[in-house]
Amino acid sequence: AGLKATHGAVPLAGVVPISPRLDHVGPIGRSALDLAAVWGAIADNREGDALLAAVLEMPLKLAVIESFFMETAADEVRRATREAIDLICGRGKGERFELPPSFADLATMHRRIMAYDAAAYHRAAFEQSPERFGPHVRGLIEFGLATTADQYAEAVAHQRRCRAEFAALLPPGRIAVTPATRTTAPTLETTGDPAFNSPWSYTGLPTVSIPCAVLTDGLPVSLQLIGGPHSEQQLLATAAACEPLLAFHNRPPLLT
């Protein structure tokens, strides 16, 4: 299980930056309750203790983001996600979540901000020894160096608008859900396609991911729960309530 906290909720001190506007800190653990315990420590509050004592007891309702996420997920991932949501909410009872208009340009503006900020931080080292950077990072920095200040300002304005639109769609008590990734785990050459994760780094919203199935390639797939700003406690409680329903105890064959 993994928690990505609200942007800015955990200080970035000691983190080598890619982009201060996009970078988040959060724990990985064996379960949502483990995440809650760590979250209580790093956020300097006692929310984790409350969650360890009592898991959320209420009918679970999740708003499914069909557009883009479910539409572009691999067939097996999409099926596993729907089966998990049916187990949690009841068959066919997941609410539908409509993406706001600003989502159309999110990927473009996300890359622009990430590249510009990465170039600003790593410029000196890159100009001195570009060969020390891998092809992906090198391409990102080169794109950032070619991005103008006006283009960057346009992206920052879009990010603010996008954050406001998503925050309005996720008031307290509403949780959206998507697959955590398009496919199962990638090969060792890459950390994988971030397309299902970067929107929440861009909007600054917190997410919790929990495994829900092992697919035919022997690798797991996870649900990604998304809440409004500073809804970590609600997300963790909801994830903790979902885990027994999913009854996910499988160990991927590659790890046995």
C-alpha atoms as a PDB file:
ATOM      1  CA  ALA A   1       0.000   0.000   0.000  1.00  0.00           C
ATOM      2  CA  GLY A   2       1.156   3.554  -0.632  1.00  0.00           C
ATOM      3  CA  LEU A   3       0.158   7.075   0.419  1.00  0.00           C
ATOM      4  CA  LYS A   4       0.910  10.223  -1.561  1.00  0.00           C
ATOM      5  CA  ALA A   5       0.023  13.068   0.777  1.00  0.00           C
ATOM      6  CA  THR A   6      -1.427  16.446  -0.198  1.00  0.00           C
ATOM      7  CA  HIS A   7       1.198  18.618  -1.880  1.00  0.00           C
ATOM      8  CA  GLY A   8       3.061  20.549   0.800  1.00  0.00           C
ATOM      9  CA  ALA A   9       1.706  18.510   3.730  1.00  0.00           C
ATOM     10  CA  VAL A  10       5.139  16.954   4.314  1.00  0.00           C
ATOM     11  CA  PRO A  11       8.288  19.091   3.946  1.00  0.00           C
ATOM     12  CA  LEU A  12      10.582  18.284   1.022  1.00  0.00           C
ATOM     13  CA  ALA A  13      13.768  18.918   3.003  1.00  0.00           C
ATOM     14  CA  GLY A  14      16.373  16.333   2.002  1.00  0.00           C
ATOM     15  CA  VAL A  15      14.576  15.357  -1.210  1.00  0.00           C
ATOM     16  CA  VAL A  16      16.514  15.885  -4.440  1.00  0.00           C
ATOM     17  CA  PRO A  17      13.929  17.823  -6.451  1.00  0.00           C
ATOM     18  CA  ILE A  18      12.493  17.275  -9.861  1.00  0.00           C
ATOM     19  CA  SER A  19       9.877  20.006  -9.417  1.00  0.00           C
ATOM     20  CA  PRO A  20       8.884  21.744  -6.171  1.00  0.00           C
ATOM     21  CA  ARG A  21       5.432  22.271  -7.693  1.00  0.00           C
ATOM     22  CA  LEU A  22       4.949  18.532  -8.265  1.00  0.00           C
ATOM     23  CA  ASP A  23       7.100  16.639  -5.740  1.00  0.00           C
ATOM     24  CA  HIS A  24       5.306  14.851  -2.891  1.00  0.00           C
ATOM     25  CA  VAL A  25       6.438  12.773   0.090  1.00  0.00           C
ATOM     26  CA  GLY A  26       4.573   9.747   1.418  1.00  0.00           C
ATOM     27  CA  PRO A  27       5.118   6.256   2.873  1.00  0.00           C
ATOM     28  CA  ILE A  28       4.860   2.727   1.455  1.00  0.00           C
ATOM     29  CA  GLY A  29       3.721  -0.044   3.807  1.00  0.00           C
ATOM     30  CA  ARG A  30       2.176  -3.497   4.110  1.00  0.00           C
ATOM     31  CA  SER A  31      -1.358  -2.158   4.605  1.00  0.00           C
ATOM     32  CA  ALA A  32      -3.457   0.979   4.969  1.00  0.00           C
ATOM     33  CA  LEU A  33      -3.163   0.716   8.748  1.00  0.00           C
ATOM     34  CA  ASP A  34       0.629   0.682   8.473  1.00  0.00           C
ATOM     35  CA  LEU A  35       0.400   3.785   6.303  1.00  0.00           C
ATOM     36  CA  ALA A  36      -1.806   5.416   8.927  1.00  0.00           C
ATOM     37  CA  ALA A  37       0.765   4.752  11.638  1.00  0.00           C
ATOM     38  CA  VAL A  38       3.590   6.260   9.581  1.00  0.00           C
ATOM     39  CA  TRP A  39       1.410   9.163   8.479  1.00  0.00           C
ATOM     40  CA  GLY A  40       0.681  10.011  12.101  1.00  0.00           C
ATOM     41  CA  ALA A  41       4.431  10.263  12.695  1.00  0.00           C
ATOM     42  CA  ILE A  42       5.564  12.206   9.620  1.00  0.00           C
ATOM     43  CA  ALA A  43       2.586  14.589   9.716  1.00  0.00           C
ATOM     44  CA  ASP A  44       3.174  15.198  13.439  1.00  0.00           C
ATOM     45  CA  ASN A  45      -0.381  14.333  14.458  1.00  0.00           C
ATOM     46  CA  ARG A  46      -2.264  11.443  16.054  1.00  0.00           C
ATOM     47  CA  GLU A  47      -4.588  10.585  13.176  1.00  0.00           C
ATOM     48  CA  GLY A  48      -2.831   7.277  12.649  1.00  0.00           C
ATOM     49  CA  ASP A  49      -3.546   6.129  16.218  1.00  0.00           C
ATOM     50  CA  ALA A  50      -7.280   6.738  15.766  1.00  0.00           C
ATOM     51  CA  LEU A  51      -7.319   4.730  12.552  1.00  0.00           C
ATOM     52  CA  LEU A  52      -5.451   1.846  14.151  1.00  0.00           C
ATOM     53  CA  ALA A  53      -8.139   1.684  16.843  1.00  0.00           C
ATOM     54  CA  ALA A  54     -11.223   1.870  14.631  1.00  0.00           C
ATOM     55  CA  VAL A  55     -11.601   1.296  10.897  1.00  0.00           C
ATOM     56  CA  LEU A  56     -14.234   3.367   9.147  1.00  0.00           C
ATOM     57  CA  GLU A  57     -17.706   1.829   9.639  1.00  0.00           C
ATOM     58  CA  MET A  58     -20.065   3.139   6.960  1.00  0.00           C
ATOM     59  CA  PRO A  59     -21.362   2.154   3.514  1.00  0.00           C
ATOM     60  CA  LEU A  60     -18.493   2.638   1.103  1.00  0.00           C
ATOM     61  CA  LYS A  61     -19.138   4.751  -1.990  1.00  0.00           C
ATOM     62  CA  LEU A  62     -16.524   5.405  -4.636  1.00  0.00           C
ATOM     63  CA  ALA A  63     -16.762   7.687  -7.674  1.00  0.00           C
ATOM     64  CA  VAL A  64     -15.265   5.873 -10.670  1.00  0.00           C
ATOM     65  CA  ILE A  65     -13.284   7.941 -13.187  1.00  0.00           C
ATOM     66  CA  GLU A  66     -14.188   6.267 -16.460  1.00  0.00           C
ATOM     67  CA  SER A  67     -12.794   8.885 -18.865  1.00  0.00           C
ATOM     68  CA  PHE A  68      -9.102   8.403 -19.700  1.00  0.00           C
ATOM     69  CA  PHE A  69      -8.303   6.095 -16.757  1.00  0.00           C
ATOM     70  CA  MET A  70     -10.655   3.182 -17.281  1.00  0.00           C
ATOM     71  CA  GLU A  71     -10.712   3.840 -21.022  1.00  0.00           C
ATOM     72  CA  THR A  72      -6.949   3.485 -21.473  1.00  0.00           C
ATOM     73  CA  ALA A  73      -6.142   0.816 -18.863  1.00  0.00           C
ATOM     74  CA  ALA A  74      -5.142  -2.612 -20.146  1.00  0.00           C
ATOM     75  CA  ASP A  75      -8.107  -4.992 -20.460  1.00  0.00           C
ATOM     76  CA  GLU A  76      -7.027  -7.179 -17.534  1.00  0.00           C
ATOM     77  CA  VAL A  77      -6.380  -4.160 -15.322  1.00  0.00           C
ATOM     78  CA  ARG A  78      -9.780  -2.694 -16.187  1.00  0.00           C
ATOM     79  CA  ARG A  79     -11.553  -5.980 -15.397  1.00  0.00           C
ATOM     80  CA  ALA A  80      -9.736  -6.390 -12.082  1.00  0.00           C
ATOM     81  CA  THR A  81     -10.544  -2.793 -11.126  1.00  0.00           C
ATOM     82  CA  ARG A  82     -14.257  -3.226 -11.870  1.00  0.00           C
ATOM     83  CA  GLU A  83     -14.384  -6.480  -9.906  1.00  0.00           C
ATOM     84  CA  ALA A  84     -12.720  -4.791  -6.924  1.00  0.00           C
ATOM     85  CA  ILE A  85     -15.131  -1.838  -7.026  1.00  0.00           C
ATOM     86  CA  ASP A  86     -18.090  -4.243  -7.211  1.00  0.00           C
ATOM     87  CA  LEU A  87     -16.797  -6.051  -4.115  1.00  0.00           C
ATOM     88  CA  ILE A  88     -16.469  -2.762  -2.238  1.00  0.00           C
ATOM     89  CA  CYS A  89     -19.612  -0.914  -3.323  1.00  0.00           C
ATOM     90  CA  GLY A  90     -21.903  -3.613  -4.667  1.00  0.00           C
ATOM     91  CA  ARG A  91     -22.207  -4.588  -8.319  1.00  0.00           C
ATOM     92  CA  GLY A  92     -22.776  -1.608 -10.595  1.00  0.00           C
ATOM     93  CA  LYS A  93     -23.107   0.875  -7.705  1.00  0.00           C
ATOM     94  CA  GLY A  94     -19.955   2.924  -8.187  1.00  0.00           C
ATOM     95  CA  GLU A  95     -20.772   6.580  -8.783  1.00  0.00           C
ATOM     96  CA  ARG A  96     -19.421   8.181 -11.972  1.00  0.00           C
ATOM     97  CA  PHE A  97     -16.838  10.957 -11.696  1.00  0.00           C
ATOM     98  CA  GLU A  98     -16.664  13.428 -14.580  1.00  0.00           C
ATOM     99  CA  LEU A  99     -13.286  15.040 -15.242  1.00  0.00           C
ATOM    100  CA  PRO A 100     -13.247  18.870 -15.429  1.00  0.00           C
ATOM    101  CA  PRO A 101     -12.432  20.747 -18.690  1.00  0.00           C
ATOM    102  CA  SER A 102      -8.877  21.570 -17.577  1.00  0.00           C
ATOM    103  CA  PHE A 103      -7.951  17.872 -17.654  1.00  0.00           C
ATOM    104  CA  ALA A 104      -7.610  18.025 -21.449  1.00  0.00           C
ATOM    105  CA  ASP A 105      -4.337  19.985 -21.189  1.00  0.00           C
ATOM    106  CA  LEU A 106      -3.084  18.493 -17.931  1.00  0.00           C
ATOM    107  CA  ALA A 107      -0.460  16.116 -19.350  1.00  0.00           C
ATOM    108  CA  THR A 108       1.053  18.827 -21.565  1.00  0.00           C
ATOM    109  CA  MET A 109       1.249  21.387 -18.767  1.00  0.00           C
ATOM    110  CA  HIS A 110       2.503  18.815 -16.255  1.00  0.00           C
ATOM    111  CA  ARG A 111       5.462  17.966 -18.485  1.00  0.00           C
ATOM    112  CA  ARG A 112       6.178  21.644 -19.082  1.00  0.00           C
ATOM    113  CA  ILE A 113       6.360  22.443 -15.368  1.00  0.00           C
ATOM    114  CA  MET A 114       8.361  19.320 -14.536  1.00  0.00           C
ATOM    115  CA  ALA A 115      10.867  19.949 -17.321  1.00  0.00           C
ATOM    116  CA  TYR A 116      11.319  23.662 -16.571  1.00  0.00           C
ATOM    117  CA  ASP A 117      11.836  23.069 -12.845  1.00  0.00           C
ATOM    118  CA  ALA A 118      14.172  20.119 -13.419  1.00  0.00           C
ATOM    119  CA  ALA A 119      16.258  22.177 -15.845  1.00  0.00           C
ATOM    120  CA  ALA A 120      16.466  25.060 -13.378  1.00  0.00           C
ATOM    121  CA  TYR A 121      17.785  22.832 -10.584  1.00  0.00           C
ATOM    122  CA  HIS A 122      20.080  20.545 -12.597  1.00  0.00           C
ATOM    123  CA  ARG A 123      21.274  23.015 -15.232  1.00  0.00           C
ATOM    124  CA  ALA A 124      24.828  23.504 -13.972  1.00  0.00           C
ATOM    125  CA  ALA A 125      25.487  19.783 -13.541  1.00  0.00           C
ATOM    126  CA  PHE A 126      23.861  19.014 -16.890  1.00  0.00           C
ATOM    127  CA  GLU A 127      25.931  21.577 -18.794  1.00  0.00           C
ATOM    128  CA  GLN A 128      29.103  20.277 -17.180  1.00  0.00           C
ATOM    129  CA  SER A 129      28.468  16.537 -17.667  1.00  0.00           C
ATOM    130  CA  PRO A 130      25.368  15.760 -19.771  1.00  0.00           C
ATOM    131  CA  GLU A 131      26.528  12.165 -20.221  1.00  0.00           C
ATOM    132  CA  ARG A 132      25.863  11.489 -16.534  1.00  0.00           C
ATOM    133  CA  PHE A 133      22.123  11.833 -17.118  1.00  0.00           C
ATOM    134  CA  GLY A 134      20.056   8.970 -18.503  1.00  0.00           C
ATOM    135  CA  PRO A 135      18.237   9.413 -21.842  1.00  0.00           C
ATOM    136  CA  HIS A 136      14.843  10.105 -20.285  1.00  0.00           C
ATOM    137  CA  VAL A 137      16.120  12.708 -17.808  1.00  0.00           C
ATOM    138  CA  ARG A 138      18.391  14.233 -20.446  1.00  0.00           C
ATOM    139  CA  GLY A 139      15.421  14.691 -22.787  1.00  0.00           C
ATOM    140  CA  LEU A 140      13.369  16.217 -19.979  1.00  0.00           C
ATOM    141  CA  ILE A 141      16.085  18.747 -19.087  1.00  0.00           C
ATOM    142  CA  GLU A 142      16.631  19.661 -22.728  1.00  0.00           C
ATOM    143  CA  PHE A 143      12.896  20.285 -23.091  1.00  0.00           C
ATOM    144  CA  GLY A 144      12.957  22.413 -19.943  1.00  0.00           C
ATOM    145  CA  LEU A 145      15.883  24.505 -21.199  1.00  0.00           C
ATOM    146  CA  ALA A 146      13.916  25.211 -24.373  1.00  0.00           C
ATOM    147  CA  THR A 147      10.780  26.270 -22.461  1.00  0.00           C
ATOM    148  CA  THR A 148      10.292  30.030 -22.096  1.00  0.00           C
ATOM    149  CA  ALA A 149       9.303  31.851 -18.929  1.00  0.00           C
ATOM    150  CA  ASP A 150       5.979  32.831 -20.543  1.00  0.00           C
ATOM    151  CA  GLN A 151       5.230  29.204 -21.382  1.00  0.00           C
ATOM    152  CA  TYR A 152       6.039  28.222 -17.817  1.00  0.00           C
ATOM    153  CA  ALA A 153       3.774  30.965 -16.428  1.00  0.00           C
ATOM    154  CA  GLU A 154       0.952  29.695 -18.657  1.00  0.00           C
ATOM    155  CA  ALA A 155       1.408  26.197 -17.241  1.00  0.00           C
ATOM    156  CA  VAL A 156       1.436  27.444 -13.640  1.00  0.00           C
ATOM    157  CA  ALA A 157      -1.812  29.355 -14.248  1.00  0.00           C
ATOM    158  CA  HIS A 158      -3.355  26.207 -15.711  1.00  0.00           C
ATOM    159  CA  GLN A 159      -2.211  24.190 -12.696  1.00  0.00           C
ATOM    160  CA  ARG A 160      -3.921  26.624 -10.319  1.00  0.00           C
ATOM    161  CA  ARG A 161      -7.159  26.421 -12.315  1.00  0.00           C
ATOM    162  CA  CYS A 162      -6.976  22.643 -12.485  1.00  0.00           C
ATOM    163  CA  ARG A 163      -6.384  22.330  -8.739  1.00  0.00           C
ATOM    164  CA  ALA A 164      -9.401  24.521  -7.998  1.00  0.00           C
ATOM    165  CA  GLU A 165     -11.640  22.517 -10.361  1.00  0.00           C
ATOM    166  CA  PHE A 166     -10.662  19.159  -8.885  1.00  0.00           C
ATOM    167  CA  ALA A 167     -10.929  20.401  -5.297  1.00  0.00           C
ATOM    168  CA  ALA A 168     -14.503  21.528  -6.035  1.00  0.00           C
ATOM    169  CA  LEU A 169     -15.334  18.040  -7.377  1.00  0.00           C
ATOM    170  CA  LEU A 170     -13.929  16.316  -4.274  1.00  0.00           C
ATOM    171  CA  PRO A 171     -15.618  17.837  -1.222  1.00  0.00           C
ATOM    172  CA  PRO A 172     -15.219  16.102   2.168  1.00  0.00           C
ATOM    173  CA  GLY A 173     -16.706  12.617   2.015  1.00  0.00           C
ATOM    174  CA  ARG A 174     -16.281  12.064  -1.718  1.00  0.00           C
ATOM    175  CA  ILE A 175     -13.550   9.686  -2.919  1.00  0.00           C
ATOM    176  CA  ALA A 176     -12.691   8.955  -6.547  1.00  0.00           C
ATOM    177  CA  VAL A 177     -11.131   5.711  -7.730  1.00  0.00           C
ATOM    178  CA  THR A 178      -9.015   4.631 -10.705  1.00  0.00           C
ATOM    179  CA  PRO A 179      -6.581   1.820 -11.461  1.00  0.00           C
ATOM    180  CA  ALA A 180      -3.222   2.821  -9.979  1.00  0.00           C
ATOM    181  CA  THR A 181      -1.451   2.007 -13.270  1.00  0.00           C
ATOM    182  CA  ARG A 182      -2.322   1.198 -16.867  1.00  0.00           C
ATOM    183  CA  THR A 183      -0.579  -2.176 -16.655  1.00  0.00           C
ATOM    184  CA  THR A 184       1.109  -4.338 -14.049  1.00  0.00           C
ATOM    185  CA  ALA A 185       4.702  -3.698 -13.015  1.00  0.00           C
ATOM    186  CA  PRO A 186       7.220  -2.675 -15.705  1.00  0.00           C
ATOM    187  CA  THR A 187      10.654  -4.096 -16.412  1.00  0.00           C
ATOM    188  CA  LEU A 188      13.661  -2.941 -14.383  1.00  0.00           C
ATOM    189  CA  GLU A 189      14.698  -0.370 -17.009  1.00  0.00           C
ATOM    190  CA  THR A 190      11.933   2.051 -15.998  1.00  0.00           C
ATOM    191  CA  THR A 191       9.676   3.002 -13.109  1.00  0.00           C
ATOM    192  CA  GLY A 192       6.721   2.633 -15.468  1.00  0.00           C
ATOM    193  CA  ASP A 193       4.139   4.834 -17.134  1.00  0.00           C
ATOM    194  CA  PRO A 194       3.101   7.589 -14.669  1.00  0.00           C
ATOM    195  CA  ALA A 195       0.014   8.615 -16.671  1.00  0.00           C
ATOM    196  CA  PHE A 196      -2.421   7.526 -13.935  1.00  0.00           C
ATOM    197  CA  ASN A 197      -0.369   9.129 -11.141  1.00  0.00           C
ATOM    198  CA  SER A 198       0.889  12.438 -12.538  1.00  0.00           C
ATOM    199  CA  PRO A 199      -2.592  14.052 -12.554  1.00  0.00           C
ATOM    200  CA  TRP A 200      -2.661  13.866  -8.758  1.00  0.00           C
ATOM    201  CA  SER A 201       0.878  15.204  -8.411  1.00  0.00           C
ATOM    202  CA  TYR A 202      -0.196  18.072 -10.681  1.00  0.00           C
ATOM    203  CA  THR A 203      -3.399  18.818  -8.769  1.00  0.00           C
ATOM    204  CA  GLY A 204      -1.683  18.273  -5.415  1.00  0.00           C
ATOM    205  CA  LEU A 205      -4.366  15.856  -4.231  1.00  0.00           C
ATOM    206  CA  PRO A 206      -3.689  12.967  -1.839  1.00  0.00           C
ATOM    207  CA  THR A 207      -4.007   9.359  -2.977  1.00  0.00           C
ATOM    208  CA  VAL A 208      -3.837   5.914  -1.394  1.00  0.00           C
ATOM    209  CA  SER A 209      -3.141   2.787  -3.452  1.00  0.00           C
ATOM    210  CA  ILE A 210      -3.931  -0.744  -2.288  1.00  0.00           C
ATOM    211  CA  PRO A 211      -3.401  -4.040  -4.172  1.00  0.00           C
ATOM    212  CA  CYS A 212      -6.555  -5.805  -5.328  1.00  0.00           C
ATOM    213  CA  ALA A 213      -5.536  -8.680  -7.649  1.00  0.00           C
ATOM    214  CA  VAL A 214      -2.695 -10.639  -9.221  1.00  0.00           C
ATOM    215  CA  LEU A 215      -3.043 -10.883 -13.004  1.00  0.00           C
ATOM    216  CA  THR A 216      -2.027 -13.620 -15.413  1.00  0.00           C
ATOM    217  CA  ASP A 217       1.530 -12.277 -15.729  1.00  0.00           C
ATOM    218  CA  GLY A 218       2.006 -12.983 -12.006  1.00  0.00           C
ATOM    219  CA  LEU A 219       2.143  -9.304 -11.031  1.00  0.00           C
ATOM    220  CA  PRO A 220      -0.278  -7.280  -8.904  1.00  0.00           C
ATOM    221  CA  VAL A 221      -2.669  -4.498  -9.838  1.00  0.00           C
ATOM    222  CA  SER A 222      -3.888  -1.848  -7.398  1.00  0.00           C
ATOM    223  CA  LEU A 223      -6.767   0.522  -6.795  1.00  0.00           C
ATOM    224  CA  GLN A 224      -5.954   4.217  -6.473  1.00  0.00           C
ATOM    225  CA  LEU A 225      -8.212   6.227  -4.147  1.00  0.00           C
ATOM    226  CA  ILE A 226      -8.205  10.020  -4.572  1.00  0.00           C
ATOM    227  CA  GLY A 227      -9.583  12.584  -2.131  1.00  0.00           C
ATOM    228  CA  GLY A 228      -9.806  16.328  -1.744  1.00  0.00           C
ATOM    229  CA  PRO A 229      -7.003  18.415  -0.237  1.00  0.00           C
ATOM    230  CA  HIS A 230      -5.876  17.204   3.204  1.00  0.00           C
ATOM    231  CA  SER A 231      -8.232  14.196   3.215  1.00  0.00           C
ATOM    232  CA  GLU A 232      -5.479  11.734   4.157  1.00  0.00           C
ATOM    233  CA  GLN A 233      -7.317  10.473   7.248  1.00  0.00           C
ATOM    234  CA  GLN A 234     -10.483   9.751   5.287  1.00  0.00           C
ATOM    235  CA  LEU A 235      -8.556   8.076   2.468  1.00  0.00           C
ATOM    236  CA  LEU A 236      -6.609   5.867   4.861  1.00  0.00           C
ATOM    237  CA  ALA A 237      -9.754   4.887   6.763  1.00  0.00           C
ATOM    238  CA  THR A 238     -11.548   4.067   3.523  1.00  0.00           C
ATOM    239  CA  ALA A 239      -8.595   2.033   2.261  1.00  0.00           C
ATOM    240  CA  ALA A 240      -8.453   0.161   5.563  1.00  0.00           C
ATOM    241  CA  ALA A 241     -12.160  -0.647   5.256  1.00  0.00           C
ATOM    242  CA  CYS A 242     -11.684  -1.813   1.647  1.00  0.00           C
ATOM    243  CA  GLU A 243      -8.823  -4.215   2.358  1.00  0.00           C
ATOM    244  CA  PRO A 244     -10.881  -6.885   4.202  1.00  0.00           C
ATOM    245  CA  LEU A 245     -13.525  -6.762   1.473  1.00  0.00           C
ATOM    246  CA  LEU A 246     -10.901  -7.305  -1.205  1.00  0.00           C
ATOM    247  CA  ALA A 247      -9.342 -10.084   0.884  1.00  0.00           C
ATOM    248  CA  PHE A 248      -6.081  -9.629  -0.985  1.00  0.00           C
ATOM    249  CA  HIS A 249      -3.593 -12.039   0.535  1.00  0.00           C
ATOM    250  CA  ASN A 250      -1.986 -13.309  -2.652  1.00  0.00           C
ATOM    251  CA  ARG A 251       1.761 -13.214  -2.964  1.00  0.00           C
ATOM    252  CA  PRO A 252       2.852 -12.634  -6.560  1.00  0.00           C
ATOM    253  CA  PRO A 253       4.555 -15.797  -7.881  1.00  0.00           C
ATOM    254  CA  LEU A 254       7.703 -13.812  -8.697  1.00  0.00           C
ATOM    255  CA  LEU A 255       8.137 -13.103  -4.968  1.00  0.00           C
ATOM    256  CA  THR A 256       7.549 -16.631  -3.648  1.00  0.00           C
END
